[in-house]
Every structure is written in C-alpha cells, then in structure tokens.
Amino acid sequence: MVVRLADVAQAAGVSSATASRVLNGSARVPAEDIAGRVRAAAERLGYFPNAQAQALARSSAGLVGLIVHDIADPYFSSIAHGVQHGLRGSGLRVMLSSTDRDGETELEAVRAFMSYRTDGIVLAGSRGLDGEAELAAALAMYQKNGGKVVVVGQPLPDTLGLYVDNRGAATRLVRGLVELGHRRFVILMGDAQLKTIEERKAGFLEGLAEAGIEPLAVLLGVFTRDGGLETMTRHLEESASDLGQGQICVLAANDVMALGALTAIRRAGLRVPQDVALAGFDDISTLEDMVPSITTVHLPLDEMGERAGRMLLEGDADSGDDVQVVAGEPVFRESTVFCPR
C-alpha cells in the first residue's frame, strides 16, 4: 500500500497542510512538538516526502544537473568527483547524465534538467565548432529563469566556467619533447568537430613549427580508447617504413587514446619508448602506474570539478570573474625517453 501525506497527517493528528509544511521543507514550520509528531508518524508509516512538493515549498529543487560526455572516461569521472566535493555542505545533490559525445543527447539532458527545475547545470566536455546555437539558447533561457550554468572546457557566452588552455599546454609539451631530442612526430587526433581537438592540434603544430619540424602524419579518429587503438593499428600497418628509419613520437589528443595506441603498438610487436615514444593529454589517474609510465599534460581534473561546484554556489556571470583559466603542465615520464639509433 502506498503511504500518502494524508495518512501521515491523520496518524499525527494534524492537517495535511501542517504535515506538508513539516515534511516538505517550508519556512513556516509549526511548533516543535507538532513537528516531532509528524516526523515520528512519517517514520513509523514509512512515508517518503515528495521531491516535487519539497521543491515547491522551498522554491528550490536542491539538485544540480551534471552533464558529461563519457562517464567511463576517467577524465569525466574525476571531474564529477570534484563537483560533488565542491558542493559538499550546500545541501545540493548531483544528477548525472552521460551523452556519449552526442550533441542532441546533451541538449535533451539540458532540457530535462530545466524541467526538473535544478538549481544549476554543469557541462563538462569539449564544445563543438558549429556554435551550438540551440544549446546556447536553452541555457540562456534557463539562466533567465534563475538557473546557474558552469561549463568546464570552453565556456559558452554568458556562462560561468573553466577555460582549459589546450593550445598553450600542447605547445609546451612539444617543446619539451624536442628538447629531449625527438624529431619524428605523429599526431593522433579525435573528432575534428570538437574545439578541444582543434586547440590541441593547433598547439602541437605550433610547437613543431617553432622547431622547424613537419609531422610525419596527422591522424583523425575517435576521441576514445578504442579510437586510439584502431587509428594507431591502421597507421602502423600502412607506415611500417617510418619505423625503419628510427624512433617516432606519437602525440595523442587525450590519455585514453594514448592507452589505445599503447595496446596497438604492443600488438604490433613494438616497444615503448624504444621504437615508439608516446604522450597523452589530461593526466588521468592510471597513467603513472602504467609500464612504462606515460608522458602527458597534467590537468588538475578533480580540482577543476571542485572549482566548478564552488562557482555554481558563489559565482555570478555578470561579476567580471566568470571564467577561470586552467593552464595545464607537461609531465615527462618513461614513455618518451629519447632512444637514438
């Protein structure tokens, strides 16, 4: 049998309106002895408050919508963990939606969180190159109605957010690899329609151009572990002659692509770093424990999520301090040791 609010009210000897004020978080709470009777009756009967009724009583849903591209990717799970930490003590709870990098799914998630009347929305992941007009319009309407938006990666106009300096960090990574002695590079990219890919590719090419180096190849694939595996496998099969001329250095657009590339390299009977040096981007938690440990660009992912959560609580898109920059720093490990022949 479903326990109704009216059942609790009857058991406590109060009106339904009084029971609702006690259980749904209204500012107009009756005397403590009455409130205590209502709570005791609710617990005895096994009644759970209606979240929608609570939201109406408090003028707040007590919820934050978090939208990520792929929760299985440690990049996004680390940010999600940080967002929860950033909201700790606020009374807000996180609702999660994973889009599998599909723009329409992301827009549907935003609209769903709008309908739930969440207090805020955090979007984590690369923005598209097409401007995403529908998404921007939906978020503008949401903010006009009192919601807050934080975007991690490339903030949209009139939103709070964290901007990752992908280009600058990618350039610094290449400079460091050139200083180690590397001259033969392959760039392993993901979806060309993502701003993150465009920015990291531009940074890689800028660093190479500074040293007067042309990449051996720029490879497009899917921004996932399997994408790195498939694209790298195909390249090794088609360009075996490159390997015969000495060590190459693969610049992967993110760490999960680098891990897929590592599997492809090993399946081809090659060694890292002796035959193929390998670098990723993001510094997900597993990289340092790999054998060999993987060179990457360190982004403070958990901290980024925590900062996003705090911005949601404290920030104001009209304050002039609406976007914070995350620089990213290269971390050189065993996978890019220079091995001249």
Protein backbone atom coordinates (compact mmCIF):
# COMPACT_ATOMS: atom_id res chain seq x y z
CA MET A 1 0.00 0.00 0.00
CA VAL A 2 1.28 3.47 -0.89
CA VAL A 3 1.51 5.74 2.16
CA ARG A 4 0.10 9.18 1.43
CA LEU A 5 0.71 12.51 3.12
CA ALA A 6 -2.91 12.41 4.32
CA ASP A 7 -2.17 9.13 6.15
CA VAL A 8 0.74 10.76 8.00
CA ALA A 9 -1.38 13.77 8.88
CA GLN A 10 -4.16 11.55 10.27
CA ALA A 11 -1.68 9.48 12.32
CA ALA A 12 -0.12 12.65 13.76
CA GLY A 13 -3.46 14.32 14.41
CA VAL A 14 -2.76 17.35 12.24
CA SER A 15 -3.99 18.77 8.95
CA SER A 16 -2.43 17.75 5.63
CA ALA A 17 -1.17 21.34 5.19
CA THR A 18 0.67 21.16 8.52
CA ALA A 19 2.19 17.78 7.67
CA SER A 20 3.31 19.16 4.31
CA ARG A 21 4.99 22.16 5.93
CA VAL A 22 6.97 19.85 8.23
CA LEU A 23 7.98 17.22 5.69
CA ASN A 24 8.46 19.32 2.55
CA GLY A 25 10.79 21.94 3.95
CA SER A 26 8.57 25.01 4.19
CA ALA A 27 9.87 28.04 6.08
CA ARG A 28 6.57 28.06 8.03
CA VAL A 29 7.26 25.15 10.38
CA PRO A 30 4.83 24.57 13.30
CA ALA A 31 5.86 24.19 16.95
CA GLU A 32 8.48 21.52 17.62
CA ASP A 33 6.15 19.18 19.49
CA ILE A 34 3.78 19.14 16.50
CA ALA A 35 6.66 18.79 14.01
CA GLY A 36 8.04 15.92 16.09
CA ARG A 37 4.70 14.08 15.97
CA VAL A 38 4.58 14.45 12.20
CA ARG A 39 8.13 13.17 11.70
CA ALA A 40 7.54 10.24 14.03
CA ALA A 41 4.34 9.30 12.17
CA ALA A 42 6.13 9.53 8.82
CA GLU A 43 8.92 7.25 10.02
CA ARG A 44 6.51 4.75 11.55
CA LEU A 45 4.44 4.54 8.37
CA GLY A 46 7.44 4.52 6.03
CA TYR A 47 6.48 7.75 4.27
CA PHE A 48 8.98 9.46 1.99
CA PRO A 49 8.46 13.15 1.10
CA ASN A 50 7.62 14.05 -2.50
CA ALA A 51 10.64 15.75 -4.07
CA GLN A 52 8.49 17.93 -6.32
CA ALA A 53 6.42 19.09 -3.35
CA GLN A 54 9.63 19.87 -1.45
CA ALA A 55 10.90 21.91 -4.37
CA LEU A 56 7.69 23.96 -4.44
CA ALA A 57 7.82 24.53 -0.69
CA ARG A 58 11.43 25.69 -0.73
CA SER A 59 11.41 27.32 -4.19
CA SER A 60 14.42 25.09 -4.86
CA ALA A 61 14.77 21.55 -6.18
CA GLY A 62 18.01 21.05 -4.21
CA LEU A 63 19.51 19.48 -7.34
CA VAL A 64 22.37 20.18 -9.73
CA GLY A 65 22.48 18.60 -13.19
CA LEU A 66 25.92 17.38 -14.28
CA ILE A 67 26.35 16.55 -17.98
CA VAL A 68 29.50 14.75 -19.16
CA HIS A 69 30.47 13.24 -22.48
CA ASP A 70 31.51 9.79 -21.24
CA ILE A 71 31.34 8.75 -17.58
CA ALA A 72 33.52 5.69 -18.36
CA ASP A 73 36.38 8.05 -19.27
CA PRO A 74 38.46 8.80 -16.12
CA TYR A 75 38.70 12.45 -17.26
CA PHE A 76 34.97 12.91 -16.68
CA SER A 77 34.65 10.70 -13.61
CA SER A 78 37.40 12.73 -11.92
CA ILE A 79 35.61 15.99 -12.73
CA ALA A 80 32.31 14.53 -11.46
CA HIS A 81 34.02 13.53 -8.20
CA GLY A 82 35.34 17.08 -7.85
CA VAL A 83 31.93 18.66 -8.49
CA GLN A 84 30.46 16.63 -5.63
CA HIS A 85 33.26 17.87 -3.34
CA GLY A 86 32.68 21.44 -4.43
CA LEU A 87 29.00 21.19 -3.48
CA ARG A 88 29.65 19.49 -0.14
CA GLY A 89 27.76 21.13 2.71
CA SER A 90 25.43 23.03 0.37
CA GLY A 91 22.54 20.58 0.61
CA LEU A 92 22.55 20.20 -3.19
CA ARG A 93 22.60 16.75 -4.78
CA VAL A 94 24.01 15.87 -8.19
CA MET A 95 22.00 14.28 -11.02
CA LEU A 96 24.27 12.84 -13.73
CA SER A 97 23.74 12.47 -17.47
CA SER A 98 26.32 10.98 -19.87
CA THR A 99 25.90 11.92 -23.54
CA ASP A 100 28.34 9.61 -25.37
CA ARG A 101 29.53 12.78 -27.12
CA ASP A 102 26.23 13.24 -28.93
CA GLY A 103 25.11 16.86 -29.22
CA GLU A 104 21.39 16.07 -29.42
CA THR A 105 21.61 13.90 -26.29
CA GLU A 106 23.37 16.76 -24.49
CA LEU A 107 20.62 19.20 -25.47
CA GLU A 108 17.96 16.71 -24.30
CA ALA A 109 19.77 16.41 -20.95
CA VAL A 110 19.82 20.19 -20.53
CA ARG A 111 16.09 20.40 -21.25
CA ALA A 112 15.39 17.55 -18.83
CA PHE A 113 17.31 19.30 -16.04
CA MET A 114 15.43 22.50 -16.86
CA SER A 115 12.12 20.64 -16.44
CA TYR A 116 13.31 19.26 -13.08
CA ARG A 117 13.99 22.90 -12.11
CA THR A 118 17.52 22.11 -10.97
CA ASP A 119 19.32 24.95 -9.20
CA GLY A 120 22.26 24.70 -11.59
CA ILE A 121 23.77 22.80 -14.51
CA VAL A 122 27.42 21.86 -15.01
CA LEU A 123 28.53 20.83 -18.51
CA ALA A 124 31.91 19.12 -18.77
CA GLY A 125 33.42 18.35 -22.15
CA SER A 126 34.56 19.88 -25.39
CA ARG A 127 32.25 22.23 -27.23
CA GLY A 128 31.58 21.78 -30.94
CA LEU A 129 32.90 24.01 -33.70
CA ASP A 130 29.40 24.71 -35.06
CA GLY A 131 28.50 27.22 -32.33
CA GLU A 132 25.77 25.06 -30.74
CA ALA A 133 23.09 27.75 -31.13
CA GLU A 134 20.23 25.60 -29.77
CA LEU A 135 22.21 24.65 -26.67
CA ALA A 136 23.22 28.27 -26.03
CA ALA A 137 19.61 29.42 -26.41
CA ALA A 138 18.33 26.77 -23.99
CA LEU A 139 20.95 27.70 -21.40
CA ALA A 140 20.19 31.41 -21.82
CA MET A 141 16.52 30.74 -21.12
CA TYR A 142 17.44 28.59 -18.11
CA GLN A 143 19.61 31.37 -16.67
CA LYS A 144 16.93 33.98 -17.36
CA ASN A 145 14.64 31.92 -15.13
CA GLY A 146 17.17 31.87 -12.28
CA GLY A 147 19.31 28.81 -13.00
CA LYS A 148 23.12 28.90 -12.95
CA VAL A 149 25.37 27.32 -15.59
CA VAL A 150 29.05 26.37 -15.34
CA VAL A 151 30.89 24.98 -18.38
CA VAL A 152 34.18 23.10 -17.97
CA GLY A 153 36.45 23.17 -21.03
CA GLN A 154 35.35 26.01 -23.29
CA PRO A 155 32.70 28.19 -21.56
CA LEU A 156 29.77 29.35 -23.67
CA PRO A 157 28.83 33.05 -23.90
CA ASP A 158 27.35 34.50 -20.68
CA THR A 159 28.11 31.40 -18.61
CA LEU A 160 30.43 30.73 -15.71
CA GLY A 161 33.21 28.29 -16.42
CA LEU A 162 36.73 26.98 -16.57
CA TYR A 163 38.68 27.51 -19.78
CA VAL A 164 41.39 24.90 -20.44
CA ASP A 165 44.35 26.38 -22.33
CA ASN A 166 44.68 23.32 -24.56
CA ARG A 167 46.75 25.08 -27.23
CA GLY A 168 49.32 26.56 -24.87
CA ALA A 169 49.77 23.31 -22.95
CA ALA A 170 50.12 21.28 -26.17
CA THR A 171 52.80 23.68 -27.42
CA ARG A 172 54.73 23.37 -24.14
CA LEU A 173 54.55 19.57 -24.36
CA VAL A 174 56.09 19.55 -27.85
CA ARG A 175 58.81 21.99 -26.83
CA GLY A 176 59.82 19.66 -24.03
CA LEU A 177 59.86 16.62 -26.31
CA VAL A 178 62.00 18.46 -28.86
CA GLU A 179 64.43 19.37 -26.07
CA LEU A 180 64.65 15.65 -25.22
CA GLY A 181 65.79 15.01 -28.81
CA HIS A 182 62.62 13.92 -30.60
CA ARG A 183 62.28 15.00 -34.24
CA ARG A 184 59.89 12.45 -35.82
CA PHE A 185 56.29 13.00 -34.73
CA VAL A 186 52.88 11.51 -35.45
CA ILE A 187 49.81 13.39 -34.20
CA LEU A 188 46.89 11.16 -33.15
CA MET A 189 43.69 13.22 -33.03
CA GLY A 190 40.00 12.64 -32.31
CA ASP A 191 36.80 14.14 -33.77
CA ALA A 192 37.74 17.15 -35.91
CA GLN A 193 34.47 18.90 -34.99
CA LEU A 194 35.45 19.34 -31.33
CA LYS A 195 37.12 22.54 -30.12
CA THR A 196 39.40 20.57 -27.79
CA ILE A 197 40.79 18.63 -30.75
CA GLU A 198 41.25 21.77 -32.82
CA GLU A 199 43.03 23.57 -29.98
CA ARG A 200 45.34 20.68 -29.08
CA LYS A 201 46.18 20.01 -32.71
CA ALA A 202 46.99 23.72 -33.21
CA GLY A 203 49.26 23.62 -30.16
CA PHE A 204 51.09 20.51 -31.35
CA LEU A 205 51.65 22.04 -34.78
CA GLU A 206 52.77 25.35 -33.27
CA GLY A 207 55.39 23.60 -31.15
CA LEU A 208 56.64 21.64 -34.15
CA ALA A 209 56.73 24.73 -36.35
CA GLU A 210 58.87 26.55 -33.78
CA ALA A 211 61.43 23.76 -34.18
CA GLY A 212 61.12 23.66 -37.98
CA ILE A 213 59.57 20.18 -37.90
CA GLU A 214 56.77 18.80 -40.07
CA PRO A 215 54.78 15.89 -38.56
CA LEU A 216 55.07 12.54 -40.32
CA ALA A 217 51.27 12.22 -40.14
CA VAL A 218 48.17 13.78 -38.58
CA LEU A 219 45.66 11.01 -37.92
CA LEU A 220 41.94 11.55 -37.24
CA GLY A 221 39.99 9.03 -35.20
CA VAL A 222 37.51 8.78 -32.35
CA PHE A 223 38.24 10.53 -29.04
CA THR A 224 38.22 7.22 -27.06
CA ARG A 225 40.48 4.32 -26.12
CA ASP A 226 39.10 2.20 -28.98
CA GLY A 227 39.56 5.14 -31.34
CA GLY A 228 43.24 5.34 -30.40
CA LEU A 229 43.65 1.57 -30.80
CA GLU A 230 42.01 1.41 -34.24
CA THR A 231 43.69 4.51 -35.67
CA MET A 232 47.14 3.56 -34.40
CA THR A 233 46.78 -0.03 -35.62
CA ARG A 234 45.91 1.18 -39.10
CA HIS A 235 48.81 3.64 -39.17
CA LEU A 236 51.37 1.04 -38.09
CA GLU A 237 50.16 -1.32 -40.80
CA GLU A 238 50.29 1.35 -43.51
CA SER A 239 53.50 3.16 -42.50
CA ALA A 240 55.93 0.45 -41.43
CA SER A 241 58.70 2.21 -43.39
CA ASP A 242 58.62 5.15 -40.95
CA LEU A 243 59.61 2.85 -38.11
CA GLY A 244 62.56 1.52 -40.04
CA GLN A 245 64.13 4.99 -40.00
CA GLY A 246 64.20 5.36 -36.21
CA GLN A 247 62.10 6.10 -33.16
CA ILE A 248 58.87 8.04 -33.71
CA CYS A 249 56.96 10.03 -31.10
CA VAL A 250 53.15 9.81 -31.03
CA LEU A 251 51.23 12.79 -29.67
CA ALA A 252 47.77 11.59 -28.63
CA ALA A 253 44.95 14.12 -28.17
CA ASN A 254 44.00 12.61 -24.81
CA ASP A 255 45.13 9.90 -22.42
CA VAL A 256 42.56 7.25 -23.29
CA MET A 257 43.57 7.50 -26.96
CA ALA A 258 47.20 7.15 -25.83
CA LEU A 259 46.32 3.97 -23.92
CA GLY A 260 44.60 2.55 -27.01
CA ALA A 261 47.67 3.46 -29.07
CA LEU A 262 49.89 1.70 -26.49
CA THR A 263 47.92 -1.51 -26.99
CA ALA A 264 48.24 -1.19 -30.78
CA ILE A 265 51.99 -0.64 -30.54
CA ARG A 266 52.47 -3.72 -28.38
CA ARG A 267 50.26 -5.87 -30.59
CA ALA A 268 52.49 -4.89 -33.50
CA GLY A 269 55.49 -6.29 -31.59
CA LEU A 270 57.00 -2.85 -30.99
CA ARG A 271 58.41 -1.35 -27.80
CA VAL A 272 57.63 1.86 -25.93
CA PRO A 273 59.69 4.01 -25.90
CA GLN A 274 62.49 2.28 -27.83
CA ASP A 275 60.54 2.06 -31.11
CA VAL A 276 57.60 4.39 -30.46
CA ALA A 277 57.58 7.13 -27.84
CA LEU A 278 54.11 8.06 -26.62
CA ALA A 279 52.50 11.10 -24.98
CA GLY A 280 48.92 11.76 -23.94
CA PHE A 281 46.98 14.71 -22.56
CA ASP A 282 44.92 15.18 -19.31
CA ASP A 283 46.88 13.03 -16.78
CA ILE A 284 44.16 10.59 -15.75
CA SER A 285 44.96 8.71 -12.56
CA THR A 286 46.11 5.42 -14.13
CA LEU A 287 48.90 6.83 -16.32
CA GLU A 288 51.68 6.97 -13.75
CA ASP A 289 51.07 3.32 -12.84
CA MET A 290 51.44 2.06 -16.42
CA VAL A 291 54.60 0.31 -17.53
CA PRO A 292 56.19 2.36 -18.89
CA SER A 293 54.65 5.38 -17.17
CA ILE A 294 53.08 7.70 -19.75
CA THR A 295 54.11 11.27 -20.52
CA THR A 296 51.15 13.66 -20.60
CA VAL A 297 49.86 17.14 -19.88
CA HIS A 298 48.66 17.38 -16.30
CA LEU A 299 45.23 18.93 -15.78
CA PRO A 300 44.00 19.09 -12.14
CA LEU A 301 40.80 17.25 -13.01
CA ASP A 302 39.40 16.72 -9.52
CA GLU A 303 40.23 20.31 -8.60
CA MET A 304 38.58 21.54 -11.81
CA GLY A 305 35.36 19.79 -10.83
CA GLU A 306 35.56 21.19 -7.30
CA ARG A 307 36.09 24.70 -8.64
CA ALA A 308 33.09 24.26 -10.95
CA GLY A 309 30.94 23.25 -7.98
CA ARG A 310 32.07 26.28 -5.98
CA MET A 311 31.46 28.60 -8.93
CA LEU A 312 27.92 27.28 -9.10
CA LEU A 313 27.42 28.21 -5.44
CA GLU A 314 29.26 31.52 -5.42
CA GLY A 315 29.74 32.79 -8.96
CA ASP A 316 27.90 35.42 -10.93
CA ALA A 317 28.13 35.54 -14.73
CA ASP A 318 27.89 39.35 -14.53
CA SER A 319 30.66 39.74 -11.94
CA GLY A 320 33.57 40.06 -14.38
CA ASP A 321 35.21 36.96 -12.85
CA ASP A 322 33.09 34.47 -14.74
CA VAL A 323 35.83 32.43 -16.46
CA GLN A 324 38.90 30.90 -14.80
CA VAL A 325 41.84 29.66 -16.89
CA VAL A 326 43.40 26.21 -16.35
CA ALA A 327 46.92 26.19 -17.81
CA GLY A 328 47.98 22.52 -17.89
CA GLU A 329 51.62 21.47 -17.43
CA PRO A 330 53.62 18.75 -19.26
CA VAL A 331 54.77 15.80 -17.15
CA PHE A 332 57.59 13.81 -18.75
CA ARG A 333 57.74 10.11 -17.90
CA GLU A 334 59.31 6.89 -19.19
CA SER A 335 57.23 6.60 -22.37
CA THR A 336 59.06 9.47 -24.09
CA VAL A 337 62.67 8.67 -23.23
CA PHE A 338 64.65 9.53 -26.38
CA CYS A 339 66.28 6.46 -27.91
CA PRO A 340 68.54 7.44 -30.86
CA ARG A 341 69.69 4.76 -33.28
